[in-house]
Amino acid sequence: MSLEAIKAISDAEEKARAAKAEAAALSKKLIAEAEENGKLAIENAKKKAEEEVRELKRNASEKAREEALELARNTENRKAAMLVKADSRVDKAIDLVIERIVNS
């Protein structure tokens, strides 16, 4: 082999080593960026999930409060209706007692 051929092979090998080192460095950089992007995506997803949970809790709490208020209103309405019925029955009972006393 001639000296020029050996030199050309040596240069090609050096270029291949440099390209391989450059590719390895680029690969490490891309992996690091991908890992960082993955961590950020996970963190963002976690924050979003926590926010959604807070919103769901807030909505559930508000709905429970509204239902409790509605139940209280219904209970008060039924209580008032029962009191009106009881009052009318008391009046009827008094009238009945008076009628029996008068008729006896």
PDB file of N, CA and C in Angstrom:
ATOM      1  N   MET A   1       0.836  -1.172   0.000  1.00  0.00           N
ATOM      2  CA  MET A   1       0.000   0.000   0.000  1.00  0.00           C
ATOM      3  C   MET A   1       0.879   1.231   0.000  1.00  0.00           C
ATOM      4  N   SER A   2       0.414   2.186  -0.714  1.00  0.00           N
ATOM      5  CA  SER A   2       1.213   3.401  -0.812  1.00  0.00           C
ATOM      6  C   SER A   2       0.965   4.262   0.410  1.00  0.00           C
ATOM      7  N   LEU A   3       1.866   5.177   0.607  1.00  0.00           N
ATOM      8  CA  LEU A   3       1.788   6.107   1.739  1.00  0.00           C
ATOM      9  C   LEU A   3       0.542   6.968   1.628  1.00  0.00           C
ATOM     10  N   GLU A   4       0.196   7.334   0.425  1.00  0.00           N
ATOM     11  CA  GLU A   4      -1.003   8.161   0.224  1.00  0.00           C
ATOM     12  C   GLU A   4      -2.267   7.387   0.593  1.00  0.00           C
ATOM     13  N   ALA A   5      -2.325   6.109   0.269  1.00  0.00           N
ATOM     14  CA  ALA A   5      -3.485   5.286   0.595  1.00  0.00           C
ATOM     15  C   ALA A   5      -3.610   5.126   2.101  1.00  0.00           C
ATOM     16  N   ILE A   6      -2.461   4.907   2.752  1.00  0.00           N
ATOM     17  CA  ILE A   6      -2.459   4.779   4.217  1.00  0.00           C
ATOM     18  C   ILE A   6      -2.926   6.085   4.846  1.00  0.00           C
ATOM     19  N   LYS A   7      -2.453   7.211   4.325  1.00  0.00           N
ATOM     20  CA  LYS A   7      -2.844   8.535   4.825  1.00  0.00           C
ATOM     21  C   LYS A   7      -4.338   8.744   4.620  1.00  0.00           C
ATOM     22  N   ALA A   8      -4.865   8.346   3.459  1.00  0.00           N
ATOM     23  CA  ALA A   8      -6.290   8.510   3.169  1.00  0.00           C
ATOM     24  C   ALA A   8      -7.130   7.657   4.117  1.00  0.00           C
ATOM     25  N   ILE A   9      -6.672   6.428   4.363  1.00  0.00           N
ATOM     26  CA  ILE A   9      -7.382   5.546   5.298  1.00  0.00           C
ATOM     27  C   ILE A   9      -7.341   6.128   6.701  1.00  0.00           C
ATOM     28  N   SER A  10      -6.184   6.626   7.100  1.00  0.00           N
ATOM     29  CA  SER A  10      -6.024   7.236   8.422  1.00  0.00           C
ATOM     30  C   SER A  10      -6.934   8.452   8.569  1.00  0.00           C
ATOM     31  N   ASP A  11      -6.983   9.283   7.533  1.00  0.00           N
ATOM     32  CA  ASP A  11      -7.866  10.462   7.567  1.00  0.00           C
ATOM     33  C   ASP A  11      -9.341  10.037   7.655  1.00  0.00           C
ATOM     34  N   ALA A  12      -9.689   9.018   6.893  1.00  0.00           N
ATOM     35  CA  ALA A  12     -11.073   8.534   6.907  1.00  0.00           C
ATOM     36  C   ALA A  12     -11.433   7.974   8.278  1.00  0.00           C
ATOM     37  N   GLU A  13     -10.485   7.232   8.876  1.00  0.00           N
ATOM     38  CA  GLU A  13     -10.728   6.698  10.218  1.00  0.00           C
ATOM     39  C   GLU A  13     -10.883   7.825  11.236  1.00  0.00           C
ATOM     40  N   GLU A  14     -10.062   8.868  11.120  1.00  0.00           N
ATOM     41  CA  GLU A  14     -10.141  10.021  12.032  1.00  0.00           C
ATOM     42  C   GLU A  14     -11.484  10.739  11.869  1.00  0.00           C
ATOM     43  N   LYS A  15     -11.907  10.911  10.613  1.00  0.00           N
ATOM     44  CA  LYS A  15     -13.207  11.541  10.365  1.00  0.00           C
ATOM     45  C   LYS A  15     -14.338  10.686  10.943  1.00  0.00           C
ATOM     46  N   ALA A  16     -14.213   9.375  10.805  1.00  0.00           N
ATOM     47  CA  ALA A  16     -15.232   8.464  11.334  1.00  0.00           C
ATOM     48  C   ALA A  16     -15.285   8.558  12.854  1.00  0.00           C
ATOM     49  N   ARG A  17     -14.095   8.616  13.512  1.00  0.00           N
ATOM     50  CA  ARG A  17     -14.053   8.758  14.977  1.00  0.00           C
ATOM     51  C   ARG A  17     -14.683  10.079  15.406  1.00  0.00           C
ATOM     52  N   ALA A  18     -14.371  11.155  14.673  1.00  0.00           N
ATOM     53  CA  ALA A  18     -14.927  12.470  15.003  1.00  0.00           C
ATOM     54  C   ALA A  18     -16.448  12.464  14.808  1.00  0.00           C
ATOM     55  N   ALA A  19     -16.894  11.857  13.715  1.00  0.00           N
ATOM     56  CA  ALA A  19     -18.334  11.788  13.457  1.00  0.00           C
ATOM     57  C   ALA A  19     -19.025  10.949  14.528  1.00  0.00           C
ATOM     58  N   LYS A  20     -18.361   9.857  14.938  1.00  0.00           N
ATOM     59  CA  LYS A  20     -18.921   8.996  15.973  1.00  0.00           C
ATOM     60  C   LYS A  20     -19.000   9.742  17.303  1.00  0.00           C
ATOM     61  N   ALA A  21     -17.949  10.488  17.644  1.00  0.00           N
ATOM     62  CA  ALA A  21     -17.941  11.265  18.887  1.00  0.00           C
ATOM     63  C   ALA A  21     -19.008  12.354  18.836  1.00  0.00           C
ATOM     64  N   GLU A  22     -19.128  13.001  17.678  1.00  0.00           N
ATOM     65  CA  GLU A  22     -20.143  14.049  17.513  1.00  0.00           C
ATOM     66  C   GLU A  22     -21.548  13.453  17.632  1.00  0.00           C
ATOM     67  N   ALA A  23     -21.738  12.293  17.037  1.00  0.00           N
ATOM     68  CA  ALA A  23     -23.041  11.623  17.117  1.00  0.00           C
ATOM     69  C   ALA A  23     -23.349  11.219  18.555  1.00  0.00           C
ATOM     70  N   ALA A  24     -22.334  10.737  19.279  1.00  0.00           N
ATOM     71  CA  ALA A  24     -22.537  10.349  20.677  1.00  0.00           C
ATOM     72  C   ALA A  24     -22.897  11.568  21.520  1.00  0.00           C
ATOM     73  N   ALA A  25     -22.203  12.690  21.295  1.00  0.00           N
ATOM     74  CA  ALA A  25     -22.499  13.915  22.042  1.00  0.00           C
ATOM     75  C   ALA A  25     -23.909  14.408  21.724  1.00  0.00           C
ATOM     76  N   LEU A  26     -24.258  14.378  20.452  1.00  0.00           N
ATOM     77  CA  LEU A  26     -25.598  14.803  20.048  1.00  0.00           C
ATOM     78  C   LEU A  26     -26.654  13.883  20.652  1.00  0.00           C
ATOM     79  N   SER A  27     -26.358  12.595  20.658  1.00  0.00           N
ATOM     80  CA  SER A  27     -27.278  11.619  21.233  1.00  0.00           C
ATOM     81  C   SER A  27     -27.493  11.897  22.721  1.00  0.00           C
ATOM     82  N   LYS A  28     -26.406  12.159  23.450  1.00  0.00           N
ATOM     83  CA  LYS A  28     -26.520  12.473  24.881  1.00  0.00           C
ATOM     84  C   LYS A  28     -27.338  13.739  25.095  1.00  0.00           C
ATOM     85  N   LYS A  29     -27.084  14.737  24.244  1.00  0.00           N
ATOM     86  CA  LYS A  29     -27.816  16.000  24.359  1.00  0.00           C
ATOM     87  C   LYS A  29     -29.305  15.776  24.111  1.00  0.00           C
ATOM     88  N   LEU A  30     -29.630  15.020  23.060  1.00  0.00           N
ATOM     89  CA  LEU A  30     -31.031  14.754  22.736  1.00  0.00           C
ATOM     90  C   LEU A  30     -31.720  13.941  23.833  1.00  0.00           C
ATOM     91  N   ILE A  31     -30.994  12.980  24.395  1.00  0.00           N
ATOM     92  CA  ILE A  31     -31.549  12.184  25.494  1.00  0.00           C
ATOM     93  C   ILE A  31     -31.824  13.071  26.701  1.00  0.00           C
ATOM     94  N   ALA A  32     -30.872  13.955  27.031  1.00  0.00           N
ATOM     95  CA  ALA A  32     -31.055  14.862  28.167  1.00  0.00           C
ATOM     96  C   ALA A  32     -32.250  15.785  27.932  1.00  0.00           C
ATOM     97  N   GLU A  33     -32.370  16.309  26.716  1.00  0.00           N
ATOM     98  CA  GLU A  33     -33.513  17.173  26.393  1.00  0.00           C
ATOM     99  C   GLU A  33     -34.829  16.401  26.487  1.00  0.00           C
ATOM    100  N   ALA A  34     -34.825  15.173  25.987  1.00  0.00           N
ATOM    101  CA  ALA A  34     -36.039  14.354  26.037  1.00  0.00           C
ATOM    102  C   ALA A  34     -36.424  14.050  27.484  1.00  0.00           C
ATOM    103  N   GLU A  35     -35.428  13.738  28.315  1.00  0.00           N
ATOM    104  CA  GLU A  35     -35.708  13.475  29.729  1.00  0.00           C
ATOM    105  C   GLU A  35     -36.267  14.722  30.404  1.00  0.00           C
ATOM    106  N   GLU A  36     -35.671  15.873  30.114  1.00  0.00           N
ATOM    107  CA  GLU A  36     -36.150  17.132  30.704  1.00  0.00           C
ATOM    108  C   GLU A  36     -37.573  17.433  30.236  1.00  0.00           C
ATOM    109  N   ASN A  37     -37.815  17.261  28.937  1.00  0.00           N
ATOM    110  CA  ASN A  37     -39.167  17.481  28.412  1.00  0.00           C
ATOM    111  C   ASN A  37     -40.166  16.512  29.035  1.00  0.00           C
ATOM    112  N   GLY A  38     -39.733  15.276  29.231  1.00  0.00           N
ATOM    113  CA  GLY A  38     -40.594  14.279  29.872  1.00  0.00           C
ATOM    114  C   GLY A  38     -40.921  14.664  31.305  1.00  0.00           C
ATOM    115  N   LYS A  39     -39.904  15.123  32.043  1.00  0.00           N
ATOM    116  CA  LYS A  39     -40.127  15.557  33.428  1.00  0.00           C
ATOM    117  C   LYS A  39     -41.085  16.739  33.467  1.00  0.00           C
ATOM    118  N   LEU A  40     -40.891  17.687  32.552  1.00  0.00           N
ATOM    119  CA  LEU A  40     -41.792  18.848  32.507  1.00  0.00           C
ATOM    120  C   LEU A  40     -43.215  18.423  32.160  1.00  0.00           C
ATOM    121  N   ALA A  41     -43.340  17.498  31.222  1.00  0.00           N
ATOM    122  CA  ALA A  41     -44.674  17.021  30.838  1.00  0.00           C
ATOM    123  C   ALA A  41     -45.357  16.333  32.015  1.00  0.00           C
ATOM    124  N   ILE A  42     -44.602  15.529  32.748  1.00  0.00           N
ATOM    125  CA  ILE A  42     -45.162  14.849  33.921  1.00  0.00           C
ATOM    126  C   ILE A  42     -45.558  15.864  34.979  1.00  0.00           C
ATOM    127  N   GLU A  43     -44.693  16.841  35.222  1.00  0.00           N
ATOM    128  CA  GLU A  43     -44.993  17.872  36.216  1.00  0.00           C
ATOM    129  C   GLU A  43     -46.236  18.673  35.817  1.00  0.00           C
ATOM    130  N   ASN A  44     -46.319  19.031  34.539  1.00  0.00           N
ATOM    131  CA  ASN A  44     -47.498  19.769  34.062  1.00  0.00           C
ATOM    132  C   ASN A  44     -48.766  18.925  34.180  1.00  0.00           C
ATOM    133  N   ALA A  45     -48.660  17.651  33.841  1.00  0.00           N
ATOM    134  CA  ALA A  45     -49.820  16.760  33.950  1.00  0.00           C
ATOM    135  C   ALA A  45     -50.243  16.620  35.408  1.00  0.00           C
ATOM    136  N   LYS A  46     -49.261  16.534  36.297  1.00  0.00           N
ATOM    137  CA  LYS A  46     -49.559  16.420  37.728  1.00  0.00           C
ATOM    138  C   LYS A  46     -50.260  17.681  38.224  1.00  0.00           C
ATOM    139  N   LYS A  47     -49.751  18.850  37.830  1.00  0.00           N
ATOM    140  CA  LYS A  47     -50.378  20.111  38.238  1.00  0.00           C
ATOM    141  C   LYS A  47     -51.806  20.199  37.699  1.00  0.00           C
ATOM    142  N   LYS A  48     -51.981  19.807  36.444  1.00  0.00           N
ATOM    143  CA  LYS A  48     -53.310  19.853  35.834  1.00  0.00           C
ATOM    144  C   LYS A  48     -54.258  18.904  36.563  1.00  0.00           C
ATOM    145  N   ALA A  49     -53.773  17.715  36.881  1.00  0.00           N
ATOM    146  CA  ALA A  49     -54.603  16.744  37.595  1.00  0.00           C
ATOM    147  C   ALA A  49     -54.976  17.266  38.981  1.00  0.00           C
ATOM    148  N   GLU A  50     -54.012  17.872  39.680  1.00  0.00           N
ATOM    149  CA  GLU A  50     -54.294  18.429  41.003  1.00  0.00           C
ATOM    150  C   GLU A  50     -55.331  19.548  40.904  1.00  0.00           C
ATOM    151  N   GLU A  51     -55.197  20.365  39.876  1.00  0.00           N
ATOM    152  CA  GLU A  51     -56.163  21.455  39.677  1.00  0.00           C
ATOM    153  C   GLU A  51     -57.557  20.892  39.376  1.00  0.00           C
ATOM    154  N   GLU A  52     -57.610  19.857  38.551  1.00  0.00           N
ATOM    155  CA  GLU A  52     -58.895  19.238  38.239  1.00  0.00           C
ATOM    156  C   GLU A  52     -59.520  18.622  39.485  1.00  0.00           C
ATOM    157  N   VAL A  53     -58.691  17.998  40.330  1.00  0.00           N
ATOM    158  CA  VAL A  53     -59.200  17.411  41.572  1.00  0.00           C
ATOM    159  C   VAL A  53     -59.755  18.505  42.476  1.00  0.00           C
ATOM    160  N   ARG A  54     -59.018  19.620  42.588  1.00  0.00           N
ATOM    161  CA  ARG A  54     -59.515  20.740  43.405  1.00  0.00           C
ATOM    162  C   ARG A  54     -60.848  21.249  42.862  1.00  0.00           C
ATOM    163  N   GLU A  55     -60.943  21.366  41.544  1.00  0.00           N
ATOM    164  CA  GLU A  55     -62.184  21.848  40.927  1.00  0.00           C
ATOM    165  C   GLU A  55     -63.328  20.861  41.172  1.00  0.00           C
ATOM    166  N   LEU A  56     -63.045  19.567  41.029  1.00  0.00           N
ATOM    167  CA  LEU A  56     -64.075  18.560  41.284  1.00  0.00           C
ATOM    168  C   LEU A  56     -64.532  18.597  42.740  1.00  0.00           C
ATOM    169  N   LYS A  57     -63.574  18.752  43.661  1.00  0.00           N
ATOM    170  CA  LYS A  57     -63.932  18.850  45.081  1.00  0.00           C
ATOM    171  C   LYS A  57     -64.776  20.090  45.331  1.00  0.00           C
ATOM    172  N   ARG A  58     -64.368  21.195  44.733  1.00  0.00           N
ATOM    173  CA  ARG A  58     -65.108  22.448  44.900  1.00  0.00           C
ATOM    174  C   ARG A  58     -66.534  22.290  44.365  1.00  0.00           C
ATOM    175  N   ASN A  59     -66.665  21.689  43.180  1.00  0.00           N
ATOM    176  CA  ASN A  59     -67.990  21.476  42.593  1.00  0.00           C
ATOM    177  C   ASN A  59     -68.833  20.537  43.452  1.00  0.00           C
ATOM    178  N   ALA A  60     -68.212  19.466  43.937  1.00  0.00           N
ATOM    179  CA  ALA A  60     -68.942  18.512  44.775  1.00  0.00           C
ATOM    180  C   ALA A  60     -69.386  19.174  46.071  1.00  0.00           C
ATOM    181  N   SER A  61     -68.513  19.984  46.642  1.00  0.00           N
ATOM    182  CA  SER A  61     -68.853  20.683  47.880  1.00  0.00           C
ATOM    183  C   SER A  61     -70.003  21.652  47.653  1.00  0.00           C
ATOM    184  N   GLU A  62     -69.947  22.386  46.559  1.00  0.00           N
ATOM    185  CA  GLU A  62     -71.011  23.343  46.240  1.00  0.00           C
ATOM    186  C   GLU A  62     -72.332  22.609  45.996  1.00  0.00           C
ATOM    187  N   LYS A  63     -72.269  21.502  45.270  1.00  0.00           N
ATOM    188  CA  LYS A  63     -73.483  20.732  44.997  1.00  0.00           C
ATOM    189  C   LYS A  63     -74.057  20.177  46.295  1.00  0.00           C
ATOM    190  N   ALA A  64     -73.197  19.666  47.171  1.00  0.00           N
ATOM    191  CA  ALA A  64     -73.664  19.136  48.455  1.00  0.00           C
ATOM    192  C   ALA A  64     -74.302  20.240  49.289  1.00  0.00           C
ATOM    193  N   ARG A  65     -73.701  21.426  49.274  1.00  0.00           N
ATOM    194  CA  ARG A  65     -74.253  22.551  50.029  1.00  0.00           C
ATOM    195  C   ARG A  65     -75.627  22.927  49.483  1.00  0.00           C
ATOM    196  N   GLU A  66     -75.745  22.996  48.164  1.00  0.00           N
ATOM    197  CA  GLU A  66     -77.029  23.337  47.547  1.00  0.00           C
ATOM    198  C   GLU A  66     -78.093  22.286  47.866  1.00  0.00           C
ATOM    199  N   GLU A  67     -77.697  21.013  47.812  1.00  0.00           N
ATOM    200  CA  GLU A  67     -78.653  19.950  48.126  1.00  0.00           C
ATOM    201  C   GLU A  67     -79.066  20.004  49.594  1.00  0.00           C
ATOM    202  N   ALA A  68     -78.113  20.314  50.480  1.00  0.00           N
ATOM    203  CA  ALA A  68     -78.439  20.436  51.902  1.00  0.00           C
ATOM    204  C   ALA A  68     -79.401  21.595  52.134  1.00  0.00           C
ATOM    205  N   LEU A  69     -79.160  22.713  51.455  1.00  0.00           N
ATOM    206  CA  LEU A  69     -80.070  23.855  51.589  1.00  0.00           C
ATOM    207  C   LEU A  69     -81.462  23.514  51.064  1.00  0.00           C
ATOM    208  N   GLU A  70     -81.519  22.829  49.945  1.00  0.00           N
ATOM    209  CA  GLU A  70     -82.811  22.419  49.377  1.00  0.00           C
ATOM    210  C   GLU A  70     -83.532  21.477  50.335  1.00  0.00           C
ATOM    211  N   LEU A  71     -82.800  20.538  50.902  1.00  0.00           N
ATOM    212  CA  LEU A  71     -83.391  19.612  51.866  1.00  0.00           C
ATOM    213  C   LEU A  71     -83.911  20.369  53.084  1.00  0.00           C
ATOM    214  N   ALA A  72     -83.133  21.343  53.559  1.00  0.00           N
ATOM    215  CA  ALA A  72     -83.567  22.146  54.706  1.00  0.00           C
ATOM    216  C   ALA A  72     -84.829  22.931  54.360  1.00  0.00           C
ATOM    217  N   ARG A  73     -84.881  23.503  53.170  1.00  0.00           N
ATOM    218  CA  ARG A  73     -86.080  24.242  52.754  1.00  0.00           C
ATOM    219  C   ARG A  73     -87.292  23.315  52.687  1.00  0.00           C
ATOM    220  N   ASN A  74     -87.099  22.146  52.096  1.00  0.00           N
ATOM    221  CA  ASN A  74     -88.201  21.186  52.001  1.00  0.00           C
ATOM    222  C   ASN A  74     -88.666  20.750  53.384  1.00  0.00           C
ATOM    223  N   THR A  75     -87.721  20.543  54.270  1.00  0.00           N
ATOM    224  CA  THR A  75     -88.059  20.143  55.637  1.00  0.00           C
ATOM    225  C   THR A  75     -88.838  21.247  56.334  1.00  0.00           C
ATOM    226  N   GLU A  76     -88.395  22.471  56.161  1.00  0.00           N
ATOM    227  CA  GLU A  76     -89.114  23.605  56.766  1.00  0.00           C
ATOM    228  C   GLU A  76     -90.518  23.720  56.189  1.00  0.00           C
ATOM    229  N   ASN A  77     -90.666  23.525  54.891  1.00  0.00           N
ATOM    230  CA  ASN A  77     -91.990  23.580  54.258  1.00  0.00           C
ATOM    231  C   ASN A  77     -92.904  22.483  54.811  1.00  0.00           C
ATOM    232  N   ARG A  78     -92.367  21.272  54.927  1.00  0.00           N
ATOM    233  CA  ARG A  78     -93.170  20.176  55.477  1.00  0.00           C
ATOM    234  C   ARG A  78     -93.537  20.444  56.932  1.00  0.00           C
ATOM    235  N   LYS A  79     -92.576  20.987  57.671  1.00  0.00           N
ATOM    236  CA  LYS A  79     -92.828  21.318  59.082  1.00  0.00           C
ATOM    237  C   LYS A  79     -93.959  22.342  59.179  1.00  0.00           C
ATOM    238  N   ALA A  80     -93.903  23.377  58.355  1.00  0.00           N
ATOM    239  CA  ALA A  80     -94.940  24.413  58.368  1.00  0.00           C
ATOM    240  C   ALA A  80     -96.292  23.820  57.990  1.00  0.00           C
ATOM    241  N   ALA A  81     -96.311  22.954  56.990  1.00  0.00           N
ATOM    242  CA  ALA A  81     -97.571  22.319  56.577  1.00  0.00           C
ATOM    243  C   ALA A  81     -98.130  21.454  57.695  1.00  0.00           C
ATOM    244  N   MET A  82     -97.265  20.723  58.366  1.00  0.00           N
ATOM    245  CA  MET A  82     -97.712  19.874  59.471  1.00  0.00           C
ATOM    246  C   MET A  82     -98.247  20.721  60.621  1.00  0.00           C
ATOM    247  N   LEU A  83     -97.600  21.854  60.891  1.00  0.00           N
ATOM    248  CA  LEU A  83     -98.081  22.742  61.954  1.00  0.00           C
ATOM    249  C   LEU A  83     -99.454  23.313  61.615  1.00  0.00           C
ATOM    250  N   VAL A  84     -99.656  23.683  60.354  1.00  0.00           N
ATOM    251  CA  VAL A  84    -100.964  24.201  59.930  1.00  0.00           C
ATOM    252  C   VAL A  84    -102.025  23.121  60.118  1.00  0.00           C
ATOM    253  N   LYS A  85    -101.719  21.894  59.695  1.00  0.00           N
ATOM    254  CA  LYS A  85    -102.672  20.796  59.868  1.00  0.00           C
ATOM    255  C   LYS A  85    -102.946  20.548  61.347  1.00  0.00           C
ATOM    256  N   ALA A  86    -101.880  20.572  62.139  1.00  0.00           N
ATOM    257  CA  ALA A  86    -102.046  20.340  63.579  1.00  0.00           C
ATOM    258  C   ALA A  86    -102.904  21.435  64.200  1.00  0.00           C
ATOM    259  N   ASP A  87    -102.669  22.677  63.818  1.00  0.00           N
ATOM    260  CA  ASP A  87    -103.470  23.785  64.353  1.00  0.00           C
ATOM    261  C   ASP A  87    -104.939  23.618  63.988  1.00  0.00           C
ATOM    262  N   SER A  88    -105.213  23.232  62.736  1.00  0.00           N
ATOM    263  CA  SER A  88    -106.614  23.063  62.327  1.00  0.00           C
ATOM    264  C   SER A  88    -107.243  21.890  63.068  1.00  0.00           C
ATOM    265  N   ARG A  89    -106.477  20.869  63.330  1.00  0.00           N
ATOM    266  CA  ARG A  89    -107.003  19.713  64.061  1.00  0.00           C
ATOM    267  C   ARG A  89    -107.250  20.077  65.526  1.00  0.00           C
ATOM    268  N   VAL A  90    -106.383  20.924  66.086  1.00  0.00           N
ATOM    269  CA  VAL A  90    -106.591  21.378  67.464  1.00  0.00           C
ATOM    270  C   VAL A  90    -107.894  22.163  67.539  1.00  0.00           C
ATOM    271  N   ASP A  91    -108.101  23.042  66.573  1.00  0.00           N
ATOM    272  CA  ASP A  91    -109.347  23.820  66.549  1.00  0.00           C
ATOM    273  C   ASP A  91    -110.556  22.888  66.449  1.00  0.00           C
ATOM    274  N   LYS A  92    -110.482  21.873  65.601  1.00  0.00           N
ATOM    275  CA  LYS A  92    -111.584  20.920  65.461  1.00  0.00           C
ATOM    276  C   LYS A  92    -111.789  20.148  66.759  1.00  0.00           C
ATOM    277  N   ALA A  93    -110.689  19.771  67.398  1.00  0.00           N
ATOM    278  CA  ALA A  93    -110.788  19.033  68.661  1.00  0.00           C
ATOM    279  C   ALA A  93    -111.432  19.897  69.737  1.00  0.00           C
ATOM    280  N   ILE A  94    -111.041  21.151  69.800  1.00  0.00           N
ATOM    281  CA  ILE A  94    -111.632  22.073  70.782  1.00  0.00           C
ATOM    282  C   ILE A  94    -113.124  22.226  70.510  1.00  0.00           C
ATOM    283  N   ASP A  95    -113.484  22.410  69.243  1.00  0.00           N
ATOM    284  CA  ASP A  95    -114.897  22.536  68.879  1.00  0.00           C
ATOM    285  C   ASP A  95    -115.670  21.276  69.260  1.00  0.00           C
ATOM    286  N   LEU A  96    -115.066  20.119  69.019  1.00  0.00           N
ATOM    287  CA  LEU A  96    -115.713  18.854  69.344  1.00  0.00           C
ATOM    288  C   LEU A  96    -115.915  18.715  70.849  1.00  0.00           C
ATOM    289  N   VAL A  97    -114.897  19.061  71.628  1.00  0.00           N
ATOM    290  CA  VAL A  97    -114.996  18.983  73.091  1.00  0.00           C
ATOM    291  C   VAL A  97    -116.068  19.944  73.589  1.00  0.00           C
ATOM    292  N   ILE A  98    -116.083  21.148  73.077  1.00  0.00           N
ATOM    293  CA  ILE A  98    -117.083  22.144  73.496  1.00  0.00           C
ATOM    294  C   ILE A  98    -118.482  21.649  73.132  1.00  0.00           C
ATOM    295  N   GLU A  99    -118.632  21.080  71.931  1.00  0.00           N
ATOM    296  CA  GLU A  99    -119.932  20.581  71.490  1.00  0.00           C
ATOM    297  C   GLU A  99    -120.413  19.459  72.405  1.00  0.00           C
ATOM    298  N   ARG A 100    -119.528  18.564  72.788  1.00  0.00           N
ATOM    299  CA  ARG A 100    -119.907  17.457  73.667  1.00  0.00           C
ATOM    300  C   ARG A 100    -120.287  17.964  75.057  1.00  0.00           C
ATOM    301  N   ILE A 101    -119.537  18.978  75.530  1.00  0.00           N
ATOM    302  CA  ILE A 101    -119.851  19.535  76.849  1.00  0.00           C
ATOM    303  C   ILE A 101    -121.224  20.203  76.804  1.00  0.00           C
ATOM    304  N   VAL A 102    -121.462  20.947  75.755  1.00  0.00           N
ATOM    305  CA  VAL A 102    -122.722  21.672  75.627  1.00  0.00           C
ATOM    306  C   VAL A 102    -123.885  20.681  75.467  1.00  0.00           C
ATOM    307  N   ASN A 103    -123.704  19.647  74.714  1.00  0.00           N
ATOM    308  CA  ASN A 103    -124.776  18.692  74.436  1.00  0.00           C
ATOM    309  C   ASN A 103    -124.992  17.701  75.576  1.00  0.00           C
ATOM    310  N   SER A 104    -124.088  17.610  76.509  1.00  0.00           N
ATOM    311  CA  SER A 104    -124.289  16.626  77.559  1.00  0.00           C
ATOM    312  C   SER A 104    -125.044  17.122  78.750  1.00  0.00           C
TER     313      SER A 104
END
